[in-house]
Amino acid sequence: MLEKRKTSRPNVVWRGAIKIGEGKIVAAKVINVSESGLMFECMLPVELQKEYEFMMEVPGIHQAAEAHQVRCRVKILHTILSEGIYRIGAMARPENGSSFSLF
């Protein structure tokens, strides 16, 4: 399979949450991340091409317990339902408009 991404996406296992609607926050699990996007899993569907508020807990480099909350906006690019879980690929950008880089 030919890889079309501009940057690699290391595999991770981070807790996250997506705001689906007014007052409706759904738990998510981030499974890979890059400078411009991420893939996550959640139990509810999301709309393609729609933007959502997203939060993830990024573990500290030296101490995993020193997690940092990263808030961003995600634009949904694709979604696949597999065994009752939605696997979702999205472009991501911080809420403050700066570049999205964890590395």
PDB file of N, CA and C in Angstrom:
ATOM      1  N   MET A   1       0.836  -1.181   0.000  1.00  0.00           N
ATOM      2  CA  MET A   1       0.000   0.000   0.000  1.00  0.00           C
ATOM      3  C   MET A   1       0.882   1.246   0.000  1.00  0.00           C
ATOM      4  N   LEU A   2       0.580   2.196  -0.844  1.00  0.00           N
ATOM      5  CA  LEU A   2       1.330   3.437  -0.961  1.00  0.00           C
ATOM      6  C   LEU A   2       0.872   4.427   0.098  1.00  0.00           C
ATOM      7  N   GLU A   3       1.820   4.927   0.881  1.00  0.00           N
ATOM      8  CA  GLU A   3       1.513   5.893   1.944  1.00  0.00           C
ATOM      9  C   GLU A   3       1.444   7.289   1.347  1.00  0.00           C
ATOM     10  N   LYS A   4       0.325   8.002   1.548  1.00  0.00           N
ATOM     11  CA  LYS A   4       0.128   9.329   0.989  1.00  0.00           C
ATOM     12  C   LYS A   4       0.315  10.452   2.000  1.00  0.00           C
ATOM     13  N   ARG A   5       0.546  10.122   3.255  1.00  0.00           N
ATOM     14  CA  ARG A   5       0.709  11.155   4.275  1.00  0.00           C
ATOM     15  C   ARG A   5       2.035  11.882   4.103  1.00  0.00           C
ATOM     16  N   LYS A   6       2.029  13.187   4.434  1.00  0.00           N
ATOM     17  CA  LYS A   6       3.246  13.997   4.369  1.00  0.00           C
ATOM     18  C   LYS A   6       4.174  13.705   5.533  1.00  0.00           C
ATOM     19  N   THR A   7       3.615  13.359   6.676  1.00  0.00           N
ATOM     20  CA  THR A   7       4.410  13.041   7.861  1.00  0.00           C
ATOM     21  C   THR A   7       3.929  11.722   8.441  1.00  0.00           C
ATOM     22  N   SER A   8       4.829  11.017   9.134  1.00  0.00           N
ATOM     23  CA  SER A   8       4.435   9.744   9.736  1.00  0.00           C
ATOM     24  C   SER A   8       3.531   9.995  10.937  1.00  0.00           C
ATOM     25  N   ARG A   9       2.774   8.986  11.296  1.00  0.00           N
ATOM     26  CA  ARG A   9       1.891   9.063  12.462  1.00  0.00           C
ATOM     27  C   ARG A   9       2.262   7.937  13.423  1.00  0.00           C
ATOM     28  N   PRO A  10       3.046   8.257  14.451  1.00  0.00           N
ATOM     29  CA  PRO A  10       3.393   7.218  15.427  1.00  0.00           C
ATOM     30  C   PRO A  10       2.148   6.692  16.141  1.00  0.00           C
ATOM     31  N   ASN A  11       2.151   5.409  16.423  1.00  0.00           N
ATOM     32  CA  ASN A  11       1.057   4.810  17.178  1.00  0.00           C
ATOM     33  C   ASN A  11       1.164   5.227  18.642  1.00  0.00           C
ATOM     34  N   VAL A  12       0.030   5.560  19.236  1.00  0.00           N
ATOM     35  CA  VAL A  12      -0.047   5.961  20.638  1.00  0.00           C
ATOM     36  C   VAL A  12      -1.309   5.338  21.238  1.00  0.00           C
ATOM     37  N   VAL A  13      -1.438   5.424  22.525  1.00  0.00           N
ATOM     38  CA  VAL A  13      -2.680   5.069  23.214  1.00  0.00           C
ATOM     39  C   VAL A  13      -2.916   6.166  24.245  1.00  0.00           C
ATOM     40  N   TRP A  14      -3.688   7.179  23.833  1.00  0.00           N
ATOM     41  CA  TRP A  14      -3.965   8.336  24.675  1.00  0.00           C
ATOM     42  C   TRP A  14      -5.463   8.482  24.876  1.00  0.00           C
ATOM     43  N   ARG A  15      -5.838   8.922  26.054  1.00  0.00           N
ATOM     44  CA  ARG A  15      -7.256   9.212  26.312  1.00  0.00           C
ATOM     45  C   ARG A  15      -7.638  10.514  25.629  1.00  0.00           C
ATOM     46  N   GLY A  16      -8.886  10.552  25.181  1.00  0.00           N
ATOM     47  CA  GLY A  16      -9.385  11.760  24.547  1.00  0.00           C
ATOM     48  C   GLY A  16     -10.880  11.879  24.738  1.00  0.00           C
ATOM     49  N   ALA A  17     -11.435  12.959  24.222  1.00  0.00           N
ATOM     50  CA  ALA A  17     -12.881  13.187  24.266  1.00  0.00           C
ATOM     51  C   ALA A  17     -13.247  14.096  23.109  1.00  0.00           C
ATOM     52  N   ILE A  18     -14.424  13.856  22.543  1.00  0.00           N
ATOM     53  CA  ILE A  18     -14.922  14.679  21.444  1.00  0.00           C
ATOM     54  C   ILE A  18     -16.295  15.214  21.834  1.00  0.00           C
ATOM     55  N   LYS A  19     -16.503  16.488  21.531  1.00  0.00           N
ATOM     56  CA  LYS A  19     -17.797  17.106  21.819  1.00  0.00           C
ATOM     57  C   LYS A  19     -18.671  16.932  20.580  1.00  0.00           C
ATOM     58  N   ILE A  20     -19.650  16.034  20.678  1.00  0.00           N
ATOM     59  CA  ILE A  20     -20.517  15.686  19.554  1.00  0.00           C
ATOM     60  C   ILE A  20     -21.631  16.716  19.366  1.00  0.00           C
ATOM     61  N   GLY A  21     -22.193  17.173  20.446  1.00  0.00           N
ATOM     62  CA  GLY A  21     -23.278  18.145  20.396  1.00  0.00           C
ATOM     63  C   GLY A  21     -23.264  18.978  21.657  1.00  0.00           C
ATOM     64  N   GLU A  22     -24.233  19.850  21.781  1.00  0.00           N
ATOM     65  CA  GLU A  22     -24.310  20.721  22.958  1.00  0.00           C
ATOM     66  C   GLU A  22     -24.413  19.872  24.220  1.00  0.00           C
ATOM     67  N   GLY A  23     -23.367  19.915  25.037  1.00  0.00           N
ATOM     68  CA  GLY A  23     -23.359  19.176  26.289  1.00  0.00           C
ATOM     69  C   GLY A  23     -23.135  17.682  26.141  1.00  0.00           C
ATOM     70  N   LYS A  24     -22.819  17.191  24.934  1.00  0.00           N
ATOM     71  CA  LYS A  24     -22.630  15.755  24.724  1.00  0.00           C
ATOM     72  C   LYS A  24     -21.163  15.481  24.407  1.00  0.00           C
ATOM     73  N   ILE A  25     -20.461  14.986  25.416  1.00  0.00           N
ATOM     74  CA  ILE A  25     -19.047  14.673  25.281  1.00  0.00           C
ATOM     75  C   ILE A  25     -18.875  13.163  25.327  1.00  0.00           C
ATOM     76  N   VAL A  26     -18.134  12.637  24.340  1.00  0.00           N
ATOM     77  CA  VAL A  26     -17.965  11.195  24.199  1.00  0.00           C
ATOM     78  C   VAL A  26     -16.490  10.845  24.374  1.00  0.00           C
ATOM     79  N   ALA A  27     -16.221   9.811  25.153  1.00  0.00           N
ATOM     80  CA  ALA A  27     -14.846   9.347  25.347  1.00  0.00           C
ATOM     81  C   ALA A  27     -14.276   8.856  24.029  1.00  0.00           C
ATOM     82  N   ALA A  28     -12.969   9.072  23.854  1.00  0.00           N
ATOM     83  CA  ALA A  28     -12.271   8.634  22.650  1.00  0.00           C
ATOM     84  C   ALA A  28     -10.913   8.074  23.043  1.00  0.00           C
ATOM     85  N   LYS A  29     -10.347   7.285  22.157  1.00  0.00           N
ATOM     86  CA  LYS A  29      -8.986   6.776  22.346  1.00  0.00           C
ATOM     87  C   LYS A  29      -8.187   7.164  21.113  1.00  0.00           C
ATOM     88  N   VAL A  30      -7.165   7.993  21.299  1.00  0.00           N
ATOM     89  CA  VAL A  30      -6.284   8.397  20.202  1.00  0.00           C
ATOM     90  C   VAL A  30      -5.343   7.232  19.925  1.00  0.00           C
ATOM     91  N   ILE A  31      -5.238   6.828  18.639  1.00  0.00           N
ATOM     92  CA  ILE A  31      -4.403   5.673  18.315  1.00  0.00           C
ATOM     93  C   ILE A  31      -3.186   6.024  17.459  1.00  0.00           C
ATOM     94  N   ASN A  32      -3.200   7.190  16.798  1.00  0.00           N
ATOM     95  CA  ASN A  32      -1.979   7.700  16.182  1.00  0.00           C
ATOM     96  C   ASN A  32      -2.112   9.197  15.978  1.00  0.00           C
ATOM     97  N   VAL A  33      -0.964   9.870  15.826  1.00  0.00           N
ATOM     98  CA  VAL A  33      -0.965  11.325  15.793  1.00  0.00           C
ATOM     99  C   VAL A  33       0.213  11.830  14.956  1.00  0.00           C
ATOM    100  N   SER A  34       0.019  12.973  14.306  1.00  0.00           N
ATOM    101  CA  SER A  34       1.093  13.635  13.563  1.00  0.00           C
ATOM    102  C   SER A  34       0.967  15.137  13.760  1.00  0.00           C
ATOM    103  N   GLU A  35       1.780  15.911  13.049  1.00  0.00           N
ATOM    104  CA  GLU A  35       1.721  17.365  13.161  1.00  0.00           C
ATOM    105  C   GLU A  35       0.392  17.927  12.678  1.00  0.00           C
ATOM    106  N   SER A  36      -0.270  17.241  11.769  1.00  0.00           N
ATOM    107  CA  SER A  36      -1.487  17.809  11.181  1.00  0.00           C
ATOM    108  C   SER A  36      -2.749  16.991  11.407  1.00  0.00           C
ATOM    109  N   GLY A  37      -2.628  15.834  12.019  1.00  0.00           N
ATOM    110  CA  GLY A  37      -3.839  15.033  12.165  1.00  0.00           C
ATOM    111  C   GLY A  37      -3.698  13.932  13.188  1.00  0.00           C
ATOM    112  N   LEU A  38      -4.787  13.193  13.323  1.00  0.00           N
ATOM    113  CA  LEU A  38      -4.798  12.079  14.253  1.00  0.00           C
ATOM    114  C   LEU A  38      -5.865  11.077  13.853  1.00  0.00           C
ATOM    115  N   MET A  39      -5.735   9.889  14.409  1.00  0.00           N
ATOM    116  CA  MET A  39      -6.772   8.877  14.262  1.00  0.00           C
ATOM    117  C   MET A  39      -7.207   8.502  15.661  1.00  0.00           C
ATOM    118  N   PHE A  40      -8.525   8.391  15.834  1.00  0.00           N
ATOM    119  CA  PHE A  40      -9.039   8.035  17.146  1.00  0.00           C
ATOM    120  C   PHE A  40     -10.225   7.102  16.987  1.00  0.00           C
ATOM    121  N   GLU A  41     -10.587   6.474  18.082  1.00  0.00           N
ATOM    122  CA  GLU A  41     -11.741   5.579  18.124  1.00  0.00           C
ATOM    123  C   GLU A  41     -12.744   6.115  19.126  1.00  0.00           C
ATOM    124  N   CYS A  42     -14.031   5.971  18.808  1.00  0.00           N
ATOM    125  CA  CYS A  42     -15.085   6.308  19.760  1.00  0.00           C
ATOM    126  C   CYS A  42     -16.323   5.476  19.457  1.00  0.00           C
ATOM    127  N   MET A  43     -17.287   5.515  20.360  1.00  0.00           N
ATOM    128  CA  MET A  43     -18.464   4.648  20.266  1.00  0.00           C
ATOM    129  C   MET A  43     -19.604   5.236  19.444  1.00  0.00           C
ATOM    130  N   LEU A  44     -19.560   6.542  19.138  1.00  0.00           N
ATOM    131  CA  LEU A  44     -20.643   7.175  18.389  1.00  0.00           C
ATOM    132  C   LEU A  44     -20.146   7.708  17.052  1.00  0.00           C
ATOM    133  N   PRO A  45     -21.030   7.768  16.041  1.00  0.00           N
ATOM    134  CA  PRO A  45     -20.616   8.284  14.730  1.00  0.00           C
ATOM    135  C   PRO A  45     -20.450   9.795  14.736  1.00  0.00           C
ATOM    136  N   VAL A  46     -19.652  10.279  13.782  1.00  0.00           N
ATOM    137  CA  VAL A  46     -19.471  11.711  13.561  1.00  0.00           C
ATOM    138  C   VAL A  46     -19.708  11.985  12.073  1.00  0.00           C
ATOM    139  N   GLU A  47     -19.977  13.250  11.748  1.00  0.00           N
ATOM    140  CA  GLU A  47     -20.257  13.622  10.360  1.00  0.00           C
ATOM    141  C   GLU A  47     -18.967  13.936   9.613  1.00  0.00           C
ATOM    142  N   LEU A  48     -18.858  13.417   8.389  1.00  0.00           N
ATOM    143  CA  LEU A  48     -17.709  13.719   7.544  1.00  0.00           C
ATOM    144  C   LEU A  48     -17.643  15.205   7.229  1.00  0.00           C
ATOM    145  N   GLN A  49     -16.440  15.723   7.157  1.00  0.00           N
ATOM    146  CA  GLN A  49     -16.135  17.115   6.829  1.00  0.00           C
ATOM    147  C   GLN A  49     -16.602  18.125   7.879  1.00  0.00           C
ATOM    148  N   LYS A  50     -17.166  17.674   8.976  1.00  0.00           N
ATOM    149  CA  LYS A  50     -17.599  18.571  10.033  1.00  0.00           C
ATOM    150  C   LYS A  50     -16.464  18.774  11.036  1.00  0.00           C
ATOM    151  N   GLU A  51     -16.431  19.959  11.664  1.00  0.00           N
ATOM    152  CA  GLU A  51     -15.439  20.243  12.697  1.00  0.00           C
ATOM    153  C   GLU A  51     -16.045  20.036  14.083  1.00  0.00           C
ATOM    154  N   TYR A  52     -15.212  19.508  14.981  1.00  0.00           N
ATOM    155  CA  TYR A  52     -15.624  19.240  16.357  1.00  0.00           C
ATOM    156  C   TYR A  52     -14.527  19.724  17.310  1.00  0.00           C
ATOM    157  N   GLU A  53     -14.916  19.993  18.535  1.00  0.00           N
ATOM    158  CA  GLU A  53     -13.946  20.257  19.595  1.00  0.00           C
ATOM    159  C   GLU A  53     -13.435  18.906  20.079  1.00  0.00           C
ATOM    160  N   PHE A  54     -12.136  18.840  20.336  1.00  0.00           N
ATOM    161  CA  PHE A  54     -11.508  17.582  20.744  1.00  0.00           C
ATOM    162  C   PHE A  54     -10.484  17.881  21.829  1.00  0.00           C
ATOM    163  N   MET A  55     -10.317  16.953  22.752  1.00  0.00           N
ATOM    164  CA  MET A  55      -9.323  17.072  23.808  1.00  0.00           C
ATOM    165  C   MET A  55      -8.623  15.731  23.931  1.00  0.00           C
ATOM    166  N   MET A  56      -7.307  15.784  24.132  1.00  0.00           N
ATOM    167  CA  MET A  56      -6.563  14.548  24.381  1.00  0.00           C
ATOM    168  C   MET A  56      -5.555  14.785  25.495  1.00  0.00           C
ATOM    169  N   GLU A  57      -5.258  13.721  26.218  1.00  0.00           N
ATOM    170  CA  GLU A  57      -4.270  13.774  27.284  1.00  0.00           C
ATOM    171  C   GLU A  57      -2.972  13.195  26.756  1.00  0.00           C
ATOM    172  N   VAL A  58      -1.959  14.055  26.642  1.00  0.00           N
ATOM    173  CA  VAL A  58      -0.657  13.651  26.131  1.00  0.00           C
ATOM    174  C   VAL A  58       0.254  13.396  27.329  1.00  0.00           C
ATOM    175  N   PRO A  59       0.769  12.169  27.473  1.00  0.00           N
ATOM    176  CA  PRO A  59       1.630  11.861  28.616  1.00  0.00           C
ATOM    177  C   PRO A  59       2.914  12.683  28.580  1.00  0.00           C
ATOM    178  N   GLY A  60       3.461  12.955  29.761  1.00  0.00           N
ATOM    179  CA  GLY A  60       4.745  13.649  29.842  1.00  0.00           C
ATOM    180  C   GLY A  60       5.864  12.785  29.271  1.00  0.00           C
ATOM    181  N   ILE A  61       6.923  13.409  28.802  1.00  0.00           N
ATOM    182  CA  ILE A  61       8.034  12.676  28.200  1.00  0.00           C
ATOM    183  C   ILE A  61       8.745  11.816  29.237  1.00  0.00           C
ATOM    184  N   HIS A  62       8.972  12.358  30.419  1.00  0.00           N
ATOM    185  CA  HIS A  62       9.728  11.635  31.438  1.00  0.00           C
ATOM    186  C   HIS A  62       8.828  10.890  32.417  1.00  0.00           C
ATOM    187  N   GLN A  63       7.644  11.416  32.669  1.00  0.00           N
ATOM    188  CA  GLN A  63       6.694  10.795  33.585  1.00  0.00           C
ATOM    189  C   GLN A  63       5.330  10.743  32.913  1.00  0.00           C
ATOM    190  N   ALA A  64       4.844   9.552  32.617  1.00  0.00           N
ATOM    191  CA  ALA A  64       3.537   9.418  31.957  1.00  0.00           C
ATOM    192  C   ALA A  64       2.426  10.048  32.789  1.00  0.00           C
ATOM    193  N   ALA A  65       2.606  10.072  34.111  1.00  0.00           N
ATOM    194  CA  ALA A  65       1.582  10.642  34.991  1.00  0.00           C
ATOM    195  C   ALA A  65       1.459  12.158  34.828  1.00  0.00           C
ATOM    196  N   GLU A  66       2.458  12.794  34.237  1.00  0.00           N
ATOM    197  CA  GLU A  66       2.421  14.236  34.009  1.00  0.00           C
ATOM    198  C   GLU A  66       1.741  14.539  32.676  1.00  0.00           C
ATOM    199  N   ALA A  67       0.508  14.153  32.536  1.00  0.00           N
ATOM    200  CA  ALA A  67      -0.226  14.326  31.281  1.00  0.00           C
ATOM    201  C   ALA A  67      -0.591  15.790  31.051  1.00  0.00           C
ATOM    202  N   HIS A  68      -0.589  16.179  29.795  1.00  0.00           N
ATOM    203  CA  HIS A  68      -0.964  17.528  29.386  1.00  0.00           C
ATOM    204  C   HIS A  68      -2.245  17.447  28.574  1.00  0.00           C
ATOM    205  N   GLN A  69      -3.200  18.292  28.888  1.00  0.00           N
ATOM    206  CA  GLN A  69      -4.429  18.343  28.101  1.00  0.00           C
ATOM    207  C   GLN A  69      -4.196  19.216  26.875  1.00  0.00           C
ATOM    208  N   VAL A  70      -4.443  18.648  25.714  1.00  0.00           N
ATOM    209  CA  VAL A  70      -4.311  19.378  24.459  1.00  0.00           C
ATOM    210  C   VAL A  70      -5.705  19.517  23.868  1.00  0.00           C
ATOM    211  N   ARG A  71      -6.157  20.748  23.719  1.00  0.00           N
ATOM    212  CA  ARG A  71      -7.466  21.019  23.122  1.00  0.00           C
ATOM    213  C   ARG A  71      -7.255  21.454  21.680  1.00  0.00           C
ATOM    214  N   CYS A  72      -8.089  20.930  20.804  1.00  0.00           N
ATOM    215  CA  CYS A  72      -7.960  21.268  19.393  1.00  0.00           C
ATOM    216  C   CYS A  72      -9.307  21.163  18.692  1.00  0.00           C
ATOM    217  N   ARG A  73      -9.328  21.591  17.453  1.00  0.00           N
ATOM    218  CA  ARG A  73     -10.481  21.398  16.572  1.00  0.00           C
ATOM    219  C   ARG A  73     -10.074  20.308  15.594  1.00  0.00           C
ATOM    220  N   VAL A  74     -10.967  19.370  15.343  1.00  0.00           N
ATOM    221  CA  VAL A  74     -10.697  18.327  14.362  1.00  0.00           C
ATOM    222  C   VAL A  74     -11.719  18.406  13.240  1.00  0.00           C
ATOM    223  N   LYS A  75     -11.253  18.198  12.020  1.00  0.00           N
ATOM    224  CA  LYS A  75     -12.128  18.106  10.853  1.00  0.00           C
ATOM    225  C   LYS A  75     -12.098  16.652  10.401  1.00  0.00           C
ATOM    226  N   ILE A  76     -13.264  16.034  10.374  1.00  0.00           N
ATOM    227  CA  ILE A  76     -13.364  14.604  10.096  1.00  0.00           C
ATOM    228  C   ILE A  76     -13.142  14.330   8.606  1.00  0.00           C
ATOM    229  N   LEU A  77     -12.150  13.475   8.324  1.00  0.00           N
ATOM    230  CA  LEU A  77     -11.819  13.136   6.938  1.00  0.00           C
ATOM    231  C   LEU A  77     -12.384  11.783   6.517  1.00  0.00           C
ATOM    232  N   HIS A  78     -12.371  10.831   7.432  1.00  0.00           N
ATOM    233  CA  HIS A  78     -12.948   9.519   7.116  1.00  0.00           C
ATOM    234  C   HIS A  78     -13.323   8.809   8.405  1.00  0.00           C
ATOM    235  N   THR A  79     -14.244   7.882   8.272  1.00  0.00           N
ATOM    236  CA  THR A  79     -14.672   7.102   9.433  1.00  0.00           C
ATOM    237  C   THR A  79     -15.050   5.694   8.982  1.00  0.00           C
ATOM    238  N   ILE A  80     -14.694   4.716   9.801  1.00  0.00           N
ATOM    239  CA  ILE A  80     -14.987   3.316   9.507  1.00  0.00           C
ATOM    240  C   ILE A  80     -15.581   2.691  10.764  1.00  0.00           C
ATOM    241  N   LEU A  81     -16.684   1.983  10.608  1.00  0.00           N
ATOM    242  CA  LEU A  81     -17.278   1.243  11.721  1.00  0.00           C
ATOM    243  C   LEU A  81     -16.736  -0.173  11.684  1.00  0.00           C
ATOM    244  N   SER A  82     -16.103  -0.599  12.774  1.00  0.00           N
ATOM    245  CA  SER A  82     -15.534  -1.942  12.845  1.00  0.00           C
ATOM    246  C   SER A  82     -15.793  -2.513  14.228  1.00  0.00           C
ATOM    247  N   GLU A  83     -16.535  -3.597  14.269  1.00  0.00           N
ATOM    248  CA  GLU A  83     -16.841  -4.293  15.519  1.00  0.00           C
ATOM    249  C   GLU A  83     -17.445  -3.366  16.573  1.00  0.00           C
ATOM    250  N   GLY A  84     -18.329  -2.474  16.148  1.00  0.00           N
ATOM    251  CA  GLY A  84     -19.047  -1.601  17.065  1.00  0.00           C
ATOM    252  C   GLY A  84     -18.297  -0.349  17.489  1.00  0.00           C
ATOM    253  N   ILE A  85     -17.097  -0.126  16.940  1.00  0.00           N
ATOM    254  CA  ILE A  85     -16.302   1.056  17.282  1.00  0.00           C
ATOM    255  C   ILE A  85     -16.007   1.826  16.002  1.00  0.00           C
ATOM    256  N   TYR A  86     -16.158   3.141  16.072  1.00  0.00           N
ATOM    257  CA  TYR A  86     -15.850   3.999  14.928  1.00  0.00           C
ATOM    258  C   TYR A  86     -14.378   4.382  14.976  1.00  0.00           C
ATOM    259  N   ARG A  87     -13.669   4.103  13.895  1.00  0.00           N
ATOM    260  CA  ARG A  87     -12.272   4.515  13.743  1.00  0.00           C
ATOM    261  C   ARG A  87     -12.279   5.736  12.833  1.00  0.00           C
ATOM    262  N   ILE A  88     -11.758   6.857  13.334  1.00  0.00           N
ATOM    263  CA  ILE A  88     -11.960   8.151  12.687  1.00  0.00           C
ATOM    264  C   ILE A  88     -10.619   8.835  12.416  1.00  0.00           C
ATOM    265  N   GLY A  89     -10.429   9.261  11.172  1.00  0.00           N
ATOM    266  CA  GLY A  89      -9.252  10.029  10.792  1.00  0.00           C
ATOM    267  C   GLY A  89      -9.635  11.489  10.661  1.00  0.00           C
ATOM    268  N   ALA A  90      -8.787  12.373  11.191  1.00  0.00           N
ATOM    269  CA  ALA A  90      -9.129  13.795  11.211  1.00  0.00           C
ATOM    270  C   ALA A  90      -7.895  14.674  11.078  1.00  0.00           C
ATOM    271  N   MET A  91      -8.082  15.840  10.465  1.00  0.00           N
ATOM    272  CA  MET A  91      -7.074  16.902  10.526  1.00  0.00           C
ATOM    273  C   MET A  91      -7.285  17.604  11.863  1.00  0.00           C
ATOM    274  N   ALA A  92      -6.203  18.084  12.456  1.00  0.00           N
ATOM    275  CA  ALA A  92      -6.318  18.719  13.770  1.00  0.00           C
ATOM    276  C   ALA A  92      -5.563  20.036  13.784  1.00  0.00           C
ATOM    277  N   ARG A  93      -6.113  20.994  14.532  1.00  0.00           N
ATOM    278  CA  ARG A  93      -5.428  22.264  14.760  1.00  0.00           C
ATOM    279  C   ARG A  93      -5.811  22.748  16.151  1.00  0.00           C
ATOM    280  N   PRO A  94      -4.849  23.350  16.854  1.00  0.00           N
ATOM    281  CA  PRO A  94      -5.147  23.843  18.203  1.00  0.00           C
ATOM    282  C   PRO A  94      -6.222  24.917  18.162  1.00  0.00           C
ATOM    283  N   GLU A  95      -6.955  25.043  19.257  1.00  0.00           N
ATOM    284  CA  GLU A  95      -8.009  26.062  19.322  1.00  0.00           C
ATOM    285  C   GLU A  95      -7.456  27.475  19.226  1.00  0.00           C
ATOM    286  N   ASN A  96      -6.187  27.685  19.626  1.00  0.00           N
ATOM    287  CA  ASN A  96      -5.626  29.033  19.593  1.00  0.00           C
ATOM    288  C   ASN A  96      -5.096  29.413  18.211  1.00  0.00           C
ATOM    289  N   GLY A  97      -5.184  28.502  17.224  1.00  0.00           N
ATOM    290  CA  GLY A  97      -4.796  28.825  15.855  1.00  0.00           C
ATOM    291  C   GLY A  97      -3.326  28.630  15.544  1.00  0.00           C
ATOM    292  N   SER A  98      -2.507  28.255  16.526  1.00  0.00           N
ATOM    293  CA  SER A  98      -1.077  28.029  16.268  1.00  0.00           C
ATOM    294  C   SER A  98      -0.892  26.682  15.572  1.00  0.00           C
ATOM    295  N   SER A  99       0.340  26.374  15.223  1.00  0.00           N
ATOM    296  CA  SER A  99       0.583  25.096  14.549  1.00  0.00           C
ATOM    297  C   SER A  99       0.386  23.954  15.543  1.00  0.00           C
ATOM    298  N   PHE A 100       0.011  22.809  15.027  1.00  0.00           N
ATOM    299  CA  PHE A 100      -0.258  21.634  15.843  1.00  0.00           C
ATOM    300  C   PHE A 100       0.968  20.746  15.790  1.00  0.00           C
ATOM    301  N   SER A 101       1.801  20.818  16.815  1.00  0.00           N
ATOM    302  CA  SER A 101       3.009  20.008  16.828  1.00  0.00           C
ATOM    303  C   SER A 101       3.276  19.532  18.246  1.00  0.00           C
ATOM    304  N   LEU A 102       3.396  18.225  18.399  1.00  0.00           N
ATOM    305  CA  LEU A 102       3.701  17.640  19.700  1.00  0.00           C
ATOM    306  C   LEU A 102       5.150  17.211  19.777  1.00  0.00           C
ATOM    307  N   PHE A 103       5.880  17.328  18.676  1.00  0.00           N
ATOM    308  CA  PHE A 103       7.230  16.779  18.615  1.00  0.00           C
ATOM    309  C   PHE A 103       8.266  17.867  18.533  1.00  0.00           C
TER     310      PHE A 103
END
